[in-house]
Amino acid sequence: MAAMDFRERLLAGLGGPWPEPCDLKPRVRETIRKEGYRIESVYYDAEPGDAIPAMLLIPDGINAQHPAPGICVWHQHAGQYEKGKSEPAGLGFDKMHHTGVALAKEGYVVLCPDALCFEERQDPAGKLKGGNYERFEFLRYVVAGKCMAWKNILDMRRAVDYLVSRPEVRGDKLGCYGHSMGSTHTWLVGPWEPRLKCLVGNCCLPTYAGIHREHMLHCFPNFIPGIYPHGDTPDIAALIAPRALHLNFGETDGGSPIDEVRKGVQTIARAYESMHAEDKFTYFIENVGHVLSEAMWQRTKACFAKHLA
């Protein structure tokens, strides 16, 4: 299937076009001083009445007169709904995933938002907890003719809107990074957000072929109604071409069967080759599990340095 035809079917499966952007109505709740950077706890509106809580990390010395490249960091899932923006922002949880802080220390302005159902975006009625609320939201979007991925992409595009609205950020030098579900979010948003010039995903490219073979239960953003007869998840990631994309994988990561990964990266590579952009797609497979290893992180930083510096 031609890429344009697949793109149209993908958009239909997601739920159709996104609405015209509403006013962001940005507001700063609190500023937290850290050594070498500050964190602004902020809100901005994804849709009218739907405020997204986020953490914005700004390195010292970066301002409107001296702006820096900006990176959005999409947090992981891990079935830990109390986690969200605070983990990559370095305000708790697993230090392995304090990636927003690490990137701020490299000189980038970093935005870490909460995904729907996580941290401050859990059930406002207080009736459903954790995975039950996520299932409720997924099904609510499905009966409306959309899916969770549609909403996630909308929210991520609004994150980019907020990032470029900041005078400290170079709007022509934008990237994103995510681990696990955050990696899924990376290849989901990539085809629909051309302002992202460099995208890095860590440990997540579960194909539908692999999911069905292994009887895996994955997080809801992976599932796009009606798309599998026309393509698989690597075909979605391939739509990012010719912009820079790097993917890390663990050889023993059961969530992304490595045989499927090896086939999937070849699908993506062919798309880049068709656009004479072979140098813009890279991947790395290491004999580890579902982690962010030092080798993976070094390749992540190198990709951003190459394409955003």
Protein backbone atom coordinates (compact mmCIF):
# COMPACT_ATOMS: atom_id res chain seq x y z
CA MET A 1 0.00 0.00 0.00
CA ALA A 2 1.29 3.46 -0.88
CA ALA A 3 2.36 5.58 2.08
CA MET A 4 -0.30 8.21 1.37
CA ASP A 5 -3.08 5.63 1.24
CA PHE A 6 -1.85 4.07 4.49
CA ARG A 7 -1.64 7.50 6.11
CA GLU A 8 -5.27 8.17 5.20
CA ARG A 9 -6.39 4.82 6.58
CA LEU A 10 -4.36 5.43 9.73
CA LEU A 11 -6.04 8.78 10.29
CA ALA A 12 -9.45 7.18 9.79
CA GLY A 13 -8.61 4.41 12.25
CA LEU A 14 -7.38 6.89 14.83
CA GLY A 15 -10.65 8.79 14.65
CA GLY A 16 -10.28 11.41 11.95
CA PRO A 17 -8.79 14.89 11.91
CA TRP A 18 -7.97 16.70 15.12
CA PRO A 19 -9.91 19.82 16.06
CA GLU A 20 -8.60 23.30 15.46
CA PRO A 21 -6.29 24.24 18.35
CA CYS A 22 -7.96 26.15 21.14
CA ASP A 23 -6.29 28.87 23.20
CA LEU A 24 -3.53 27.26 25.27
CA LYS A 25 -4.33 29.50 28.26
CA PRO A 26 -0.89 28.80 29.73
CA ARG A 27 -0.34 29.40 33.43
CA VAL A 28 2.57 28.78 35.78
CA ARG A 29 1.66 27.18 39.10
CA GLU A 30 5.06 27.07 40.78
CA THR A 31 8.74 27.52 40.07
CA ILE A 32 11.24 25.09 41.60
CA ARG A 33 14.91 26.09 41.66
CA LYS A 34 17.45 23.35 40.98
CA GLU A 35 21.19 23.41 40.50
CA GLY A 36 21.79 24.47 36.91
CA TYR A 37 18.13 24.71 35.88
CA ARG A 38 14.64 25.58 37.09
CA ILE A 39 11.38 23.67 36.83
CA GLU A 40 8.15 25.50 36.07
CA SER A 41 5.03 23.57 37.03
CA VAL A 42 2.55 24.62 34.35
CA TYR A 43 -0.88 24.06 32.86
CA TYR A 44 -1.98 24.52 29.25
CA ASP A 45 -5.23 23.53 27.56
CA ALA A 46 -5.34 20.65 25.09
CA GLU A 47 -9.04 21.18 24.49
CA PRO A 48 -11.49 23.61 26.10
CA GLY A 49 -11.79 22.58 29.74
CA ASP A 50 -9.02 19.95 29.45
CA ALA A 51 -5.92 21.32 31.17
CA ILE A 52 -2.70 19.35 30.89
CA PRO A 53 -0.32 19.52 33.87
CA ALA A 54 3.34 19.54 32.85
CA MET A 55 6.84 20.32 34.06
CA LEU A 56 9.02 22.66 32.01
CA LEU A 57 12.77 22.43 32.69
CA ILE A 58 14.82 25.48 31.66
CA PRO A 59 18.63 25.47 31.94
CA ASP A 60 20.29 28.46 33.58
CA GLY A 61 21.34 31.06 31.05
CA ILE A 62 18.60 30.13 28.57
CA ASN A 63 16.18 32.95 27.86
CA ALA A 64 14.53 34.88 25.01
CA GLN A 65 17.88 36.41 24.06
CA HIS A 66 19.63 33.04 24.24
CA PRO A 67 17.04 30.37 23.27
CA ALA A 68 17.79 26.65 23.12
CA PRO A 69 16.41 23.61 21.27
CA GLY A 70 13.35 22.08 22.91
CA ILE A 71 12.55 18.44 23.64
CA CYS A 72 9.26 16.88 24.78
CA VAL A 73 9.65 13.81 26.99
CA TRP A 74 6.76 11.33 27.01
CA HIS A 75 6.74 9.26 30.21
CA GLN A 76 6.43 5.49 30.53
CA HIS A 77 3.41 3.38 31.53
CA ALA A 78 4.65 0.44 33.65
CA GLY A 79 1.16 0.06 35.13
CA GLN A 80 2.14 2.77 37.63
CA TYR A 81 -0.51 5.43 37.23
CA GLU A 82 0.85 7.58 40.03
CA LYS A 83 3.86 8.21 37.80
CA GLY A 84 3.76 10.69 34.99
CA LYS A 85 5.62 13.91 34.33
CA SER A 86 7.35 13.86 37.73
CA GLU A 87 9.59 10.90 36.89
CA PRO A 88 11.39 12.36 33.83
CA ALA A 89 11.38 15.74 35.59
CA GLY A 90 13.49 14.12 38.33
CA LEU A 91 10.99 14.67 41.13
CA GLY A 92 10.88 11.06 42.27
CA PHE A 93 10.61 7.42 41.23
CA ASP A 94 13.26 5.62 39.14
CA LYS A 95 16.46 7.60 38.59
CA MET A 96 17.05 5.62 35.39
CA HIS A 97 14.20 7.60 33.86
CA HIS A 98 15.12 11.09 35.07
CA THR A 99 15.69 11.80 31.40
CA GLY A 100 14.17 15.26 31.34
CA VAL A 101 16.68 16.41 33.93
CA ALA A 102 19.54 14.79 32.02
CA LEU A 103 18.52 16.57 28.82
CA ALA A 104 18.13 19.90 30.61
CA LYS A 105 21.68 19.48 31.90
CA GLU A 106 22.73 19.00 28.26
CA GLY A 107 21.30 22.47 27.52
CA TYR A 108 17.83 21.68 26.15
CA VAL A 109 14.54 23.17 27.30
CA VAL A 110 12.47 20.11 28.23
CA LEU A 111 8.71 19.69 28.59
CA CYS A 112 7.36 16.70 30.55
CA PRO A 113 3.53 16.46 30.41
CA ASP A 114 1.14 13.99 32.04
CA ALA A 115 -0.53 11.55 29.64
CA LEU A 116 -4.24 10.91 30.07
CA CYS A 117 -4.90 8.60 33.08
CA PHE A 118 -1.52 9.30 34.76
CA GLU A 119 -0.44 11.31 37.82
CA GLU A 120 -2.68 14.40 37.88
CA ARG A 121 -4.88 13.16 35.02
CA GLN A 122 -6.54 10.27 36.83
CA ASP A 123 -10.33 9.96 37.26
CA PRO A 124 -11.58 13.41 38.34
CA ALA A 125 -14.72 11.79 39.77
CA GLY A 126 -12.55 9.53 41.94
CA LYS A 127 -14.62 6.45 41.05
CA LEU A 128 -12.16 4.46 38.95
CA LYS A 129 -8.58 3.69 39.89
CA GLY A 130 -5.52 2.97 37.79
CA GLY A 131 -6.10 0.57 34.91
CA ASN A 132 -9.87 0.68 35.32
CA TYR A 133 -9.90 4.38 34.50
CA GLU A 134 -7.57 3.82 31.52
CA ARG A 135 -9.91 1.12 30.21
CA PHE A 136 -12.90 3.43 30.74
CA GLU A 137 -11.25 6.23 28.76
CA PHE A 138 -10.18 3.91 25.95
CA LEU A 139 -13.73 2.57 25.58
CA ARG A 140 -15.22 6.05 25.85
CA TYR A 141 -13.16 7.15 22.85
CA VAL A 142 -13.95 3.95 20.92
CA VAL A 143 -17.72 4.41 21.12
CA ALA A 144 -17.18 8.00 19.95
CA GLY A 145 -15.45 6.66 16.83
CA LYS A 146 -11.93 7.45 18.02
CA CYS A 147 -9.31 5.71 20.17
CA MET A 148 -6.86 6.46 22.97
CA ALA A 149 -4.05 7.04 20.46
CA TRP A 150 -6.11 9.83 18.84
CA LYS A 151 -6.34 11.66 22.15
CA ASN A 152 -2.68 11.02 22.99
CA ILE A 153 -1.60 12.47 19.64
CA LEU A 154 -3.83 15.52 20.12
CA ASP A 155 -2.31 16.11 23.55
CA MET A 156 1.24 15.69 22.26
CA ARG A 157 0.65 18.14 19.42
CA ARG A 158 -0.56 20.63 22.02
CA ALA A 159 2.62 19.99 24.01
CA VAL A 160 4.58 21.04 20.94
CA ASP A 161 2.34 24.11 20.62
CA TYR A 162 3.19 25.03 24.20
CA LEU A 163 6.89 24.40 23.75
CA VAL A 164 7.13 26.66 20.68
CA SER A 165 5.15 29.36 22.48
CA ARG A 166 7.96 29.74 25.00
CA PRO A 167 10.48 32.48 24.16
CA GLU A 168 13.30 30.33 25.57
CA VAL A 169 12.78 27.71 22.84
CA ARG A 170 14.06 27.58 19.27
CA GLY A 171 10.99 26.56 17.31
CA ASP A 172 13.10 25.24 14.44
CA LYS A 173 14.99 22.82 16.71
CA LEU A 174 12.46 20.51 18.35
CA GLY A 175 12.64 16.86 19.33
CA CYS A 176 10.97 14.26 21.50
CA TYR A 177 11.99 11.21 23.52
CA GLY A 178 10.10 8.43 25.26
CA HIS A 179 10.69 5.10 26.98
CA SER A 180 8.22 2.19 26.76
CA MET A 181 4.75 3.76 26.29
CA GLY A 182 6.67 6.98 25.72
CA SER A 183 8.36 5.30 22.77
CA THR A 184 4.95 4.29 21.43
CA HIS A 185 3.90 7.92 21.82
CA THR A 186 7.00 8.95 19.86
CA TRP A 187 6.18 6.93 16.76
CA LEU A 188 2.48 7.73 17.11
CA VAL A 189 2.91 11.50 17.10
CA GLY A 190 5.79 11.60 14.63
CA PRO A 191 3.75 11.27 11.41
CA TRP A 192 1.42 14.09 12.52
CA GLU A 193 3.88 16.59 13.98
CA PRO A 194 6.38 17.85 11.36
CA ARG A 195 7.79 20.40 13.80
CA LEU A 196 9.55 17.51 15.56
CA LYS A 197 12.86 17.28 13.71
CA CYS A 198 14.45 14.52 15.80
CA LEU A 199 12.56 11.67 17.50
CA VAL A 200 14.01 8.99 19.78
CA GLY A 201 12.14 5.97 21.16
CA ASN A 202 13.48 3.53 23.73
CA CYS A 203 12.24 -0.07 24.08
CA CYS A 204 8.87 -0.25 22.40
CA LEU A 205 7.81 -1.34 18.92
CA PRO A 206 5.32 -4.13 19.56
CA THR A 207 3.91 -5.30 16.24
CA TYR A 208 0.38 -6.60 16.02
CA ALA A 209 1.83 -9.80 14.55
CA GLY A 210 3.93 -10.23 17.70
CA ILE A 211 1.13 -9.21 20.06
CA HIS A 212 -1.23 -11.78 18.55
CA ARG A 213 1.36 -14.55 18.40
CA GLU A 214 2.48 -14.07 22.00
CA HIS A 215 -0.98 -13.18 23.40
CA MET A 216 0.36 -9.94 24.87
CA LEU A 217 -1.66 -7.31 26.71
CA HIS A 218 -0.15 -3.96 25.80
CA CYS A 219 -1.12 -0.43 26.79
CA PHE A 220 -4.12 1.01 24.96
CA PRO A 221 -2.33 3.61 22.78
CA ASN A 222 -0.89 0.74 20.73
CA PHE A 223 -4.32 -0.30 19.45
CA ILE A 224 -5.77 1.57 16.47
CA PRO A 225 -9.09 0.18 15.22
CA GLY A 226 -9.12 -1.20 11.69
CA ILE A 227 -5.48 -0.57 10.87
CA TYR A 228 -3.98 -4.07 10.90
CA PRO A 229 -5.43 -5.19 7.54
CA HIS A 230 -3.46 -2.32 5.98
CA GLY A 231 -0.22 -2.20 7.96
CA ASP A 232 1.55 -2.77 11.26
CA THR A 233 3.23 -0.50 13.79
CA PRO A 234 6.54 -0.23 11.85
CA ASP A 235 4.52 1.15 8.93
CA ILE A 236 3.29 3.90 11.26
CA ALA A 237 6.83 4.73 12.37
CA ALA A 238 7.94 4.73 8.73
CA LEU A 239 5.68 7.73 8.08
CA ILE A 240 8.13 9.85 10.10
CA ALA A 241 10.60 9.69 7.20
CA PRO A 242 12.61 11.68 6.20
CA ARG A 243 12.98 13.35 9.63
CA ALA A 244 15.57 11.99 12.07
CA LEU A 245 14.45 8.89 14.00
CA HIS A 246 16.46 6.68 16.35
CA LEU A 247 15.10 3.59 18.13
CA ASN A 248 16.71 1.56 20.93
CA PHE A 249 15.72 -2.03 21.73
CA GLY A 250 16.51 -4.73 24.28
CA GLU A 251 17.27 -8.17 22.87
CA THR A 252 15.43 -9.83 25.77
CA ASP A 253 12.58 -7.29 26.08
CA GLY A 254 9.49 -9.48 26.01
CA GLY A 255 7.21 -6.55 25.26
CA SER A 256 8.77 -6.14 21.81
CA PRO A 257 9.69 -9.61 20.48
CA ILE A 258 13.10 -9.16 18.91
CA ASP A 259 12.35 -11.13 15.74
CA GLU A 260 9.50 -8.73 15.01
CA VAL A 261 11.71 -5.77 15.86
CA ARG A 262 14.37 -6.90 13.38
CA LYS A 263 11.76 -7.14 10.61
CA GLY A 264 10.16 -3.88 11.67
CA VAL A 265 13.30 -1.77 11.52
CA GLN A 266 13.87 -3.01 7.97
CA THR A 267 10.40 -1.75 7.03
CA ILE A 268 11.30 1.65 8.46
CA ALA A 269 14.72 1.63 6.79
CA ARG A 270 13.14 1.01 3.38
CA ALA A 271 10.91 4.05 3.81
CA TYR A 272 13.94 6.21 4.58
CA GLU A 273 15.85 4.75 1.65
CA SER A 274 12.95 5.59 -0.68
CA MET A 275 13.40 9.24 0.30
CA HIS A 276 17.20 9.14 0.06
CA ALA A 277 17.34 9.80 3.80
CA GLU A 278 19.19 6.66 4.91
CA ASP A 279 21.34 8.68 7.30
CA LYS A 280 18.29 9.94 9.22
CA PHE A 281 17.17 6.54 10.57
CA THR A 282 19.27 4.57 13.06
CA TYR A 283 18.58 1.83 15.57
CA PHE A 284 20.45 -0.02 18.29
CA ILE A 285 19.79 -3.48 19.74
CA GLU A 286 21.52 -4.43 22.99
CA ASN A 287 21.45 -7.69 24.96
CA VAL A 288 19.34 -6.24 27.79
CA GLY A 289 15.68 -6.22 28.77
CA HIS A 290 13.15 -3.42 29.09
CA VAL A 291 15.55 -0.76 30.37
CA LEU A 292 17.31 2.44 29.45
CA SER A 293 20.93 1.32 29.49
CA GLU A 294 23.94 3.61 29.46
CA ALA A 295 24.68 2.61 25.86
CA MET A 296 21.10 3.42 24.85
CA TRP A 297 21.28 6.79 26.58
CA GLN A 298 24.57 7.69 24.92
CA ARG A 299 23.01 7.01 21.52
CA THR A 300 19.96 9.06 22.48
CA LYS A 301 22.10 12.05 23.40
CA ALA A 302 24.23 11.67 20.28
CA CYS A 303 21.12 11.69 18.06
CA PHE A 304 19.84 14.91 19.61
CA ALA A 305 23.28 16.50 19.45
CA LYS A 306 23.57 15.65 15.76
CA HIS A 307 20.17 16.85 14.66
CA LEU A 308 19.22 19.60 17.12
CA ALA A 309 22.52 21.24 18.09
